[in-house]
């Protein structure tokens, strides 16, 4: 819990300052009174009238005293206003600090309460906790990272892939609570992500999950099961899908720029109009995959697996790298392409993997 001792000491010191100001005003009053008396009994002592007829000297005396008094009162008023302004400023700053402290305390209490509700037996309470945490993450940048780390840990615990010889159950949609977390994670404010922050959903069973249109840049889906999942138009730049299973998944229009798909299973997956520019597909399985009008410029296709059902109609491979081109493993001669499929130049040695031609 936050240490309040420094805050308390600060307030005590500031509350003590008005006593100093009060003493200063007393001193100023004494000085003013003394100056007026000095004018009367010192500088103007010889001007006191000896007769009632000598009114001019008397008027001059009171006129001088009045000017001096008015000047001192003006200075006193200005000083009073300055002190009052300073006091109000201190009060405002103290109130602001108190408000910030109370807000942080409230956020901490709300965070603790919502986290506790994630383990509630009633799934409706857990759903409410998830949406409460989402709202808190939007208003508190400091809690943004811990909130989504906690939610991802919940998914890893509640939806793990089978371990060892444990049989894989028939594919079904994720539990409503797990799906809610995936949805919330996909619409988070990424500007609040701490430096180097990455959502960790590796080795999770997310088959048939709905991640459509979500923002999942740099998320770790390493070794995750996403078979039949809907990732259409999702933002997946630099996502880690190494060794992930995306069999028959929908990635229509998804942005997979610079994504890591090494060894991923994309058999039967729909990658229509997907952006795979600069992605790594090394050793990925593309048997039966549908890449109609997909963009694969700069994509690494080393050792990929494919067959005659792999559809690349209208796909752009203009600057792709390491496309298999050996007689018994010729990508261009095997896959289902069309006249509008764009291939690299035949003489480009970096584009085509023709094996060791020197042997």
Foldseek 3Di string as FASTA:
>chain_A
DDDCPVLVVVVVVLVVVVVVVVVVLVVLVVVLVVVLVCLCCPVLVVLDDPDPVSVVSVVVSVVVSVVSNVVSVVVSVVVVVVVVVVSVVVVVVSVVVVVVVVVVVVLVVLLVVLLVQCPPPDVVSVLVSLVSLLVSVVVDLVCVQVSLQSLLVVQCVPFAADPDPDDGDPDDADDPSNLSSLQSQQPHDCVSAPVPDERENDRGEHAQRENDQGEHEQHEPDQYEHAQHEHDQYEHDQHEDDLYEHDQYEHHQYEHDQHEHANYEHALYECDQYEDDNHEDAQYEQELYAHALYEHANYEHHNYHYAQNRHHELYEDQHYFAQEPEPVRHPVVGYHYDPNHHHHDPPPPGRYCHDPPVD
